[in-house]
Amino acid sequence: MVVRPFKALRPTKEMVSKIAAKPYDVVTEEQARDVAKNNPYTFYKVSRPEINFEYSADTHDPEVLKTGRQHLDWLIKEGHMFEDGEPYIYIYQQHWRDHVQTGIFATFSVDEYIENKIKKHELTRKDKEDERALHVKVVKAHTGPVFLMYKSRPEVDSLIMKHATNEPEYDFTDESGVRHMVWVLRDRNEINKIVEAFKSVDAFYIADGHHRAAAAVRAAIDFRNENPNYTGEEEFNYFLAALFPHSQLKILDYNRVVKDLNGMSEEEFLKKVGEVFEITKVNGTYKPERKHTVGMYLSGRWYRLEPKTGTYDENDVIASLDVSILQNNLLAPILGIENPRTDKRIDFVGGILGIEELVRLVDSGNFKVAFAMYPTSIDDLLKVSDEGKIMPPKSTWFEPKLKSGIVVHLI
């Protein structure tokens, strides 16, 4: 697999914590605006350029997107960001609670994505692809890294880890309590060792950022069509990503809340659920402790649900996922939620917010029932990707999130 060093556009040490921002797609326009009110340097002004206008602007309008590039140019002109003179690899370490993950920022091959050597597990929406591909083309940069992983190998992992010991270039803790540390790997021999080591790796896997990756590829194809004599070495043939060994990554639960019981009384609902799940009343709060257990919160009480034998195919990697078991045996047939992607009666709550958020939502009266899921395993995700299949929607919540604006790839 191709790992390619690049000349990062990046903040000065003094400005990195002010510039760096969450991925564009995990904040609302309102949240990004709130940050920008108090912080004129925030990278949201690049990644969410609609906030540069007093009104809600169209993110498919090139004139709106141009203001993202203008903000980037302003950060450069004011000396807050600069481009490295040589292509480097950037060691990236995140600390969150008791969890640490260490990987690299580099650029990755559009062709390997097209050839499916960079494997996916999620469907993308064309409208979101269109918007981000246009963003790449107008801003002329990959502003947010794709989150990639590879199957961990000690001999490869150690080549990266050994560089995360010296004084870091960046070291800051963000608003979510995540500590971000970056080392610039300038030694050409050490860079080459990493590049060579990854040549023997068979595949990379998208953990998060499917739309960012698809958009980078769409933009690259457009650039190639506009430059029929392209050589393959141009920057648009590679996209920005952070790459981590799978053994270091953490998937949190991705929970469900539903607004009503599909016209049923609680007694009728529990009776139907009891036909396909073993139901156990639980004293206090219940968070699933193993695969094939689901927590259900209804009218101030927690229940443990365990699927009955024969309700799913254990040999099918998709059908045996807990999110599939819940969807196929309860959400669709009992609550009438056939398409969780589009049904307005269901919402999804990342495990970062905790079980307490499910209780709060139901107790508020805005939702009737909540389902606490056991996290999907990294191994299941890899298996789905290797089989060329698609995960059900909202199956995985990776934490900590990558920051945008620490390194930018200009094209």
Protein backbone atom coordinates (compact mmCIF):
# COMPACT_ATOMS: atom_id res chain seq x y z
CA MET A 1 0.00 0.00 0.00
CA VAL A 2 1.10 3.55 -0.76
CA VAL A 3 1.97 5.92 2.08
CA ARG A 4 3.21 9.22 0.67
CA PRO A 5 4.93 12.03 2.58
CA PHE A 6 3.65 15.54 1.81
CA LYS A 7 4.35 19.22 2.50
CA ALA A 8 1.77 20.07 5.13
CA LEU A 9 0.24 23.49 5.46
CA ARG A 10 0.03 23.77 9.24
CA PRO A 11 -0.34 26.23 12.11
CA THR A 12 2.42 27.75 14.17
CA LYS A 13 2.82 26.20 17.61
CA GLU A 14 1.16 29.20 19.24
CA MET A 15 -1.91 29.01 17.00
CA VAL A 16 -2.59 25.28 16.64
CA SER A 17 -5.10 25.07 19.48
CA LYS A 18 -7.01 28.11 18.16
CA ILE A 19 -7.09 26.90 14.55
CA ALA A 20 -7.72 23.15 14.99
CA ALA A 21 -11.41 22.17 14.86
CA LYS A 22 -13.59 19.09 14.93
CA PRO A 23 -14.46 17.37 11.62
CA TYR A 24 -16.94 19.47 9.62
CA ASP A 25 -19.64 16.78 9.81
CA VAL A 26 -19.80 16.30 13.59
CA VAL A 27 -20.86 19.88 14.32
CA THR A 28 -23.96 21.79 13.24
CA GLU A 29 -23.77 25.11 11.45
CA GLU A 30 -24.98 26.77 14.67
CA GLN A 31 -22.23 25.13 16.76
CA ALA A 32 -19.58 26.20 14.23
CA ARG A 33 -20.94 29.77 14.27
CA ASP A 34 -20.80 29.86 18.07
CA VAL A 35 -17.11 28.91 18.02
CA ALA A 36 -16.32 31.46 15.31
CA LYS A 37 -17.94 34.29 17.33
CA ASN A 38 -15.22 34.01 19.95
CA ASN A 39 -12.42 32.67 17.76
CA PRO A 40 -11.77 34.35 14.39
CA TYR A 41 -9.00 31.83 13.62
CA THR A 42 -11.11 28.66 13.81
CA PHE A 43 -10.75 26.19 10.97
CA TYR A 44 -14.55 26.00 10.73
CA LYS A 45 -14.27 29.16 8.62
CA VAL A 46 -12.47 26.94 6.07
CA SER A 47 -14.29 23.63 6.52
CA ARG A 48 -17.77 25.17 7.07
CA PRO A 49 -17.52 28.33 4.91
CA GLU A 50 -21.26 28.98 5.18
CA ILE A 51 -20.54 30.47 8.62
CA ASN A 52 -18.65 33.32 6.92
CA PHE A 53 -22.07 34.77 6.02
CA GLU A 54 -24.66 36.31 8.33
CA TYR A 55 -27.39 34.25 6.67
CA SER A 56 -27.53 30.51 5.98
CA ALA A 57 -25.53 30.23 2.75
CA ASP A 58 -25.64 27.48 0.11
CA THR A 59 -22.65 25.16 0.49
CA HIS A 60 -23.03 24.06 -3.15
CA ASP A 61 -22.31 27.65 -4.28
CA PRO A 62 -18.67 28.12 -5.39
CA GLU A 63 -18.81 31.76 -4.24
CA VAL A 64 -19.58 30.58 -0.71
CA LEU A 65 -16.81 27.98 -0.84
CA LYS A 66 -14.31 30.59 -2.07
CA THR A 67 -14.55 32.29 1.33
CA GLY A 68 -13.11 29.09 2.83
CA ARG A 69 -10.03 29.49 0.64
CA GLN A 70 -9.90 33.21 1.47
CA HIS A 71 -9.78 32.40 5.18
CA LEU A 72 -6.98 29.90 4.55
CA ASP A 73 -5.06 32.55 2.58
CA TRP A 74 -5.63 35.05 5.40
CA LEU A 75 -4.20 32.60 7.97
CA ILE A 76 -1.13 32.17 5.75
CA LYS A 77 -0.74 35.92 5.09
CA GLU A 78 -0.98 36.73 8.80
CA GLY A 79 1.74 34.15 9.53
CA HIS A 80 -0.55 31.84 11.50
CA MET A 81 -0.06 28.93 9.06
CA PHE A 82 2.88 27.95 6.87
CA GLU A 83 3.79 25.21 4.39
CA ASP A 84 6.69 22.87 5.11
CA GLY A 85 9.47 23.12 2.54
CA GLU A 86 9.92 19.35 2.18
CA PRO A 87 7.49 16.40 2.18
CA TYR A 88 7.34 14.83 5.63
CA ILE A 89 5.33 12.25 7.56
CA TYR A 90 3.64 13.52 10.72
CA ILE A 91 3.30 11.26 13.76
CA TYR A 92 -0.08 11.86 15.43
CA GLN A 93 -0.96 10.73 18.94
CA GLN A 94 -4.26 11.22 20.77
CA HIS A 95 -4.94 10.73 24.48
CA TRP A 96 -8.56 10.45 25.60
CA ARG A 97 -9.41 9.34 29.13
CA ASP A 98 -7.31 6.17 29.56
CA HIS A 99 -7.02 5.54 25.82
CA VAL A 100 -4.00 6.32 23.59
CA GLN A 101 -3.71 5.85 19.82
CA THR A 102 -0.67 6.64 17.68
CA GLY A 103 -0.64 6.89 13.90
CA ILE A 104 0.56 9.06 11.04
CA PHE A 105 -0.69 11.90 8.89
CA ALA A 106 0.28 11.24 5.27
CA THR A 107 -1.32 11.19 1.84
CA PHE A 108 -2.88 8.14 0.21
CA SER A 109 -3.57 6.91 -3.30
CA VAL A 110 -6.78 7.78 -5.11
CA ASP A 111 -6.12 4.80 -7.40
CA GLU A 112 -5.90 2.39 -4.46
CA TYR A 113 -9.30 3.70 -3.32
CA ILE A 114 -10.73 3.15 -6.83
CA GLU A 115 -9.22 -0.37 -6.90
CA ASN A 116 -10.82 -1.08 -3.50
CA LYS A 117 -7.49 -1.63 -1.79
CA ILE A 118 -8.73 1.08 0.56
CA LYS A 119 -11.83 -0.70 1.81
CA LYS A 120 -15.16 0.82 2.78
CA HIS A 121 -18.00 -0.32 5.02
CA GLU A 122 -20.50 2.49 4.57
CA LEU A 123 -22.72 3.86 1.81
CA THR A 124 -22.22 7.51 0.88
CA ARG A 125 -24.87 10.03 -0.11
CA LYS A 126 -24.40 11.67 -3.50
CA ASP A 127 -25.46 15.13 -2.29
CA LYS A 128 -22.86 15.08 0.49
CA GLU A 129 -20.22 13.79 -1.94
CA ASP A 130 -21.09 16.56 -4.41
CA GLU A 131 -20.74 19.23 -1.76
CA ARG A 132 -17.38 18.06 -0.41
CA ALA A 133 -15.92 17.34 -3.87
CA LEU A 134 -16.75 20.93 -4.83
CA HIS A 135 -15.19 22.11 -1.57
CA VAL A 136 -11.94 20.28 -2.46
CA LYS A 137 -11.93 21.79 -5.96
CA VAL A 138 -12.68 25.38 -4.94
CA VAL A 139 -10.50 25.50 -1.80
CA LYS A 140 -7.81 23.50 -3.65
CA ALA A 141 -7.00 21.53 -0.54
CA HIS A 142 -7.93 18.47 1.48
CA THR A 143 -8.89 20.22 4.68
CA GLY A 144 -10.11 17.29 6.78
CA PRO A 145 -8.23 13.99 7.11
CA VAL A 146 -9.91 10.67 6.37
CA PHE A 147 -9.62 8.24 9.31
CA LEU A 148 -7.86 5.07 8.05
CA MET A 149 -6.69 1.93 9.81
CA TYR A 150 -4.57 -1.09 8.92
CA LYS A 151 -4.35 -4.54 10.46
CA SER A 152 -1.79 -4.06 13.19
CA ARG A 153 1.71 -5.51 12.75
CA PRO A 154 4.25 -5.07 15.57
CA GLU A 155 7.13 -4.49 13.18
CA VAL A 156 5.19 -1.72 11.37
CA ASP A 157 3.59 -0.23 14.49
CA SER A 158 6.98 0.10 16.19
CA LEU A 159 8.40 2.14 13.27
CA ILE A 160 5.77 4.77 14.08
CA MET A 161 5.71 4.48 17.87
CA LYS A 162 9.45 5.05 18.30
CA HIS A 163 9.09 8.62 17.00
CA ALA A 164 6.43 9.54 19.57
CA THR A 165 8.93 9.94 22.38
CA ASN A 166 10.83 13.20 21.72
CA GLU A 167 9.59 16.73 22.28
CA PRO A 168 6.46 17.08 20.11
CA GLU A 169 5.89 19.89 17.61
CA TYR A 170 2.34 20.29 18.91
CA ASP A 171 0.89 19.36 22.28
CA PHE A 172 -2.54 20.71 23.23
CA THR A 173 -5.76 19.57 24.84
CA ASP A 174 -9.00 20.43 23.06
CA GLU A 175 -12.45 21.42 24.29
CA SER A 176 -13.47 17.75 24.59
CA GLY A 177 -10.52 16.90 26.83
CA VAL A 178 -8.60 15.09 24.07
CA ARG A 179 -4.84 15.68 24.08
CA HIS A 180 -3.31 15.95 20.60
CA MET A 181 0.43 15.50 20.05
CA VAL A 182 2.23 15.76 16.70
CA TRP A 183 5.85 15.06 15.77
CA VAL A 184 7.26 16.11 12.39
CA LEU A 185 9.32 13.23 10.99
CA ARG A 186 12.00 14.92 8.89
CA ASP A 187 14.62 12.15 8.75
CA ARG A 188 14.51 10.86 5.17
CA ASN A 189 15.80 7.39 6.12
CA GLU A 190 13.13 7.00 8.79
CA ILE A 191 10.43 8.24 6.40
CA ASN A 192 11.58 5.69 3.80
CA LYS A 193 11.47 2.87 6.35
CA ILE A 194 7.80 3.62 7.05
CA VAL A 195 6.97 3.98 3.35
CA GLU A 196 8.68 0.67 2.56
CA ALA A 197 7.06 -1.16 5.48
CA PHE A 198 3.57 -0.29 4.26
CA LYS A 199 4.30 -1.65 0.77
CA SER A 200 3.86 -5.14 2.23
CA VAL A 201 0.45 -4.29 3.77
CA ASP A 202 -2.46 -5.64 1.71
CA ALA A 203 -5.19 -3.10 2.48
CA PHE A 204 -6.23 -0.01 4.37
CA TYR A 205 -9.71 0.39 5.85
CA ILE A 206 -11.81 3.50 6.25
CA ALA A 207 -12.76 3.79 9.90
CA ASP A 208 -14.48 7.15 9.53
CA GLY A 209 -14.75 9.78 6.82
CA HIS A 210 -16.28 7.86 3.91
CA HIS A 211 -17.66 11.08 2.40
CA ARG A 212 -14.30 12.86 2.71
CA ALA A 213 -12.58 9.99 0.88
CA ALA A 214 -15.24 9.69 -1.83
CA ALA A 215 -15.19 13.46 -2.38
CA ALA A 216 -11.39 13.53 -2.70
CA VAL A 217 -11.60 10.80 -5.34
CA ARG A 218 -14.44 12.53 -7.21
CA ALA A 219 -12.43 15.77 -7.25
CA ALA A 220 -9.32 13.89 -8.45
CA ILE A 221 -11.23 12.40 -11.36
CA ASP A 222 -12.46 15.88 -12.33
CA PHE A 223 -8.91 17.27 -12.11
CA ARG A 224 -7.67 14.39 -14.28
CA ASN A 225 -10.34 15.09 -16.88
CA GLU A 226 -9.30 18.75 -16.91
CA ASN A 227 -5.61 17.73 -17.19
CA PRO A 228 -5.53 14.83 -19.68
CA ASN A 229 -1.72 14.79 -19.62
CA TYR A 230 -1.53 14.25 -15.86
CA THR A 231 1.37 12.07 -14.71
CA GLY A 232 -0.10 10.59 -11.54
CA GLU A 233 2.36 12.51 -9.34
CA GLU A 234 0.19 15.61 -8.99
CA GLU A 235 -1.08 16.30 -5.49
CA PHE A 236 -4.71 15.74 -6.51
CA ASN A 237 -3.91 12.04 -7.04
CA TYR A 238 -3.47 11.65 -3.26
CA PHE A 239 -5.73 12.52 -0.35
CA LEU A 240 -5.05 13.42 3.27
CA ALA A 241 -5.63 10.83 5.98
CA ALA A 242 -4.57 9.78 9.45
CA LEU A 243 -3.63 6.09 9.57
CA PHE A 244 -3.69 4.00 12.77
CA PRO A 245 -3.16 0.31 13.64
CA HIS A 246 -6.55 -1.33 14.25
CA SER A 247 -5.48 -2.69 17.63
CA GLN A 248 -5.26 0.82 19.08
CA LEU A 249 -8.68 2.09 17.98
CA LYS A 250 -11.79 2.41 20.10
CA ILE A 251 -15.39 2.05 18.90
CA LEU A 252 -18.07 3.31 21.26
CA ASP A 253 -21.71 2.23 21.35
CA TYR A 254 -24.10 3.96 18.92
CA ASN A 255 -27.51 3.99 20.58
CA ARG A 256 -31.08 4.43 19.34
CA VAL A 257 -34.06 6.45 20.60
CA VAL A 258 -37.58 6.18 19.15
CA LYS A 259 -40.39 8.74 19.49
CA ASP A 260 -43.39 6.41 19.88
CA LEU A 261 -44.51 2.79 20.19
CA ASN A 262 -46.14 2.64 16.76
CA GLY A 263 -49.67 2.96 18.18
CA MET A 264 -49.26 0.22 20.79
CA SER A 265 -49.68 0.37 24.54
CA GLU A 266 -46.62 -0.46 26.62
CA GLU A 267 -48.14 -3.85 27.50
CA GLU A 268 -48.72 -4.70 23.82
CA PHE A 269 -45.23 -3.53 22.92
CA LEU A 270 -43.53 -5.59 25.66
CA LYS A 271 -45.56 -8.66 24.68
CA LYS A 272 -44.38 -8.39 21.05
CA VAL A 273 -40.77 -7.76 22.08
CA GLY A 274 -40.97 -10.82 24.35
CA GLU A 275 -41.76 -13.02 21.35
CA VAL A 276 -38.28 -12.46 19.90
CA PHE A 277 -36.16 -11.39 22.90
CA GLU A 278 -35.71 -12.73 26.40
CA ILE A 279 -36.66 -9.73 28.57
CA THR A 280 -35.18 -9.22 32.02
CA LYS A 281 -36.10 -6.29 34.29
CA VAL A 282 -32.98 -4.62 35.67
CA ASN A 283 -32.66 -2.65 38.88
CA GLY A 284 -30.98 0.69 38.21
CA THR A 285 -29.19 1.59 34.98
CA TYR A 286 -28.23 -1.08 32.47
CA LYS A 287 -25.36 -0.82 29.97
CA PRO A 288 -24.85 -3.94 27.81
CA GLU A 289 -21.79 -5.87 28.97
CA ARG A 290 -21.39 -8.27 26.04
CA LYS A 291 -22.33 -8.87 22.41
CA HIS A 292 -25.96 -9.91 21.79
CA THR A 293 -27.35 -7.97 24.75
CA VAL A 294 -29.32 -4.75 24.34
CA GLY A 295 -30.47 -2.34 27.03
CA MET A 296 -33.99 -0.93 26.70
CA TYR A 297 -35.25 2.07 28.67
CA LEU A 298 -39.02 2.51 28.84
CA SER A 299 -41.11 4.51 31.34
CA GLY A 300 -38.34 4.94 33.88
CA ARG A 301 -37.20 1.31 33.89
CA TRP A 302 -34.30 -0.54 32.28
CA TYR A 303 -34.64 -3.99 30.66
CA ARG A 304 -32.02 -6.38 29.26
CA LEU A 305 -32.95 -7.88 25.88
CA GLU A 306 -31.30 -11.06 24.59
CA PRO A 307 -32.29 -12.35 21.15
CA LYS A 308 -33.93 -15.78 21.15
CA THR A 309 -32.35 -18.67 19.26
CA GLY A 310 -33.26 -18.63 15.59
CA THR A 311 -33.92 -14.90 15.36
CA TYR A 312 -30.68 -14.22 13.45
CA ASP A 313 -27.99 -16.04 11.44
CA GLU A 314 -24.80 -16.26 13.53
CA ASN A 315 -22.80 -17.19 10.41
CA ASP A 316 -23.74 -13.98 8.56
CA VAL A 317 -21.40 -11.14 9.59
CA ILE A 318 -24.06 -8.46 8.90
CA ALA A 319 -27.12 -10.29 10.23
CA SER A 320 -25.33 -11.18 13.47
CA LEU A 321 -24.41 -7.57 14.32
CA ASP A 322 -26.41 -6.32 17.29
CA VAL A 323 -27.63 -3.29 15.33
CA SER A 324 -28.98 -5.69 12.65
CA ILE A 325 -30.62 -7.98 15.22
CA LEU A 326 -32.40 -5.00 16.78
CA GLN A 327 -33.39 -3.56 13.40
CA ASN A 328 -34.63 -6.84 11.88
CA ASN A 329 -36.46 -8.16 14.94
CA LEU A 330 -37.76 -5.06 16.68
CA LEU A 331 -37.33 -1.68 15.01
CA ALA A 332 -38.77 -2.75 11.64
CA PRO A 333 -41.42 -5.43 12.44
CA ILE A 334 -42.63 -4.04 15.78
CA LEU A 335 -42.02 -0.28 15.66
CA GLY A 336 -42.44 0.07 11.88
CA ILE A 337 -39.07 1.72 11.26
CA GLU A 338 -38.20 0.14 7.92
CA ASN A 339 -35.50 2.60 6.89
CA PRO A 340 -33.54 4.04 9.82
CA ARG A 341 -31.62 6.31 7.42
CA THR A 342 -34.71 8.33 6.57
CA ASP A 343 -37.35 7.66 9.25
CA LYS A 344 -37.91 10.79 11.34
CA ARG A 345 -39.21 8.75 14.31
CA ILE A 346 -35.77 7.41 15.17
CA ASP A 347 -32.62 9.22 16.26
CA PHE A 348 -29.11 8.08 17.11
CA VAL A 349 -26.98 8.94 20.13
CA GLY A 350 -23.20 8.47 20.15
CA GLY A 351 -21.81 6.63 23.16
CA ILE A 352 -19.63 9.65 23.97
CA LEU A 353 -22.75 11.18 25.57
CA GLY A 354 -23.22 8.20 27.90
CA ILE A 355 -26.22 6.14 28.96
CA GLU A 356 -27.48 9.19 30.89
CA GLU A 357 -28.35 10.92 27.62
CA LEU A 358 -30.75 8.10 26.71
CA VAL A 359 -32.49 8.45 30.07
CA ARG A 360 -32.68 12.23 29.64
CA LEU A 361 -34.21 12.00 26.15
CA VAL A 362 -36.90 9.51 27.19
CA ASP A 363 -37.65 11.25 30.50
CA SER A 364 -38.05 14.55 28.61
CA GLY A 365 -41.07 13.10 26.82
CA ASN A 366 -39.57 13.74 23.35
CA PHE A 367 -38.83 10.03 22.95
CA LYS A 368 -40.73 7.00 24.21
CA VAL A 369 -38.09 4.27 24.26
CA ALA A 370 -34.30 4.02 24.08
CA PHE A 371 -31.98 1.16 23.14
CA ALA A 372 -28.43 0.95 24.52
CA MET A 373 -26.14 -1.07 22.25
CA TYR A 374 -22.94 -3.02 22.92
CA PRO A 375 -20.18 -1.46 20.72
CA THR A 376 -19.51 -3.07 17.35
CA SER A 377 -16.05 -4.67 17.44
CA ILE A 378 -13.15 -3.61 15.22
CA ASP A 379 -12.86 -7.26 14.12
CA ASP A 380 -16.47 -7.27 12.91
CA LEU A 381 -15.88 -4.04 11.01
CA LEU A 382 -12.77 -5.47 9.33
CA LYS A 383 -14.66 -8.65 8.44
CA VAL A 384 -17.52 -6.66 6.87
CA SER A 385 -15.03 -4.59 4.87
CA ASP A 386 -13.06 -7.66 3.74
CA GLU A 387 -16.28 -9.31 2.53
CA GLY A 388 -17.14 -6.14 0.57
CA LYS A 389 -20.34 -5.63 2.54
CA ILE A 390 -21.95 -2.53 4.00
CA MET A 391 -22.54 -1.93 7.70
CA PRO A 392 -26.06 -0.96 8.77
CA PRO A 393 -26.39 2.80 9.31
CA LYS A 394 -25.05 4.24 12.57
CA SER A 395 -23.16 1.08 13.57
CA THR A 396 -19.88 2.60 14.75
CA TRP A 397 -18.88 5.69 16.71
CA PHE A 398 -15.12 6.16 16.78
CA GLU A 399 -13.64 8.22 19.57
CA PRO A 400 -11.54 10.30 19.83
CA LYS A 401 -12.27 12.19 16.61
CA LEU A 402 -9.49 13.52 14.40
CA LYS A 403 -8.91 17.26 14.34
CA SER A 404 -9.04 19.26 11.11
CA GLY A 405 -6.58 22.12 10.61
CA ILE A 406 -3.56 20.49 12.27
CA VAL A 407 -2.26 19.55 8.82
CA VAL A 408 -3.74 20.56 5.45
CA HIS A 409 -2.89 19.03 2.07
CA LEU A 410 -2.75 21.66 -0.68
CA ILE A 411 -3.50 20.51 -4.24
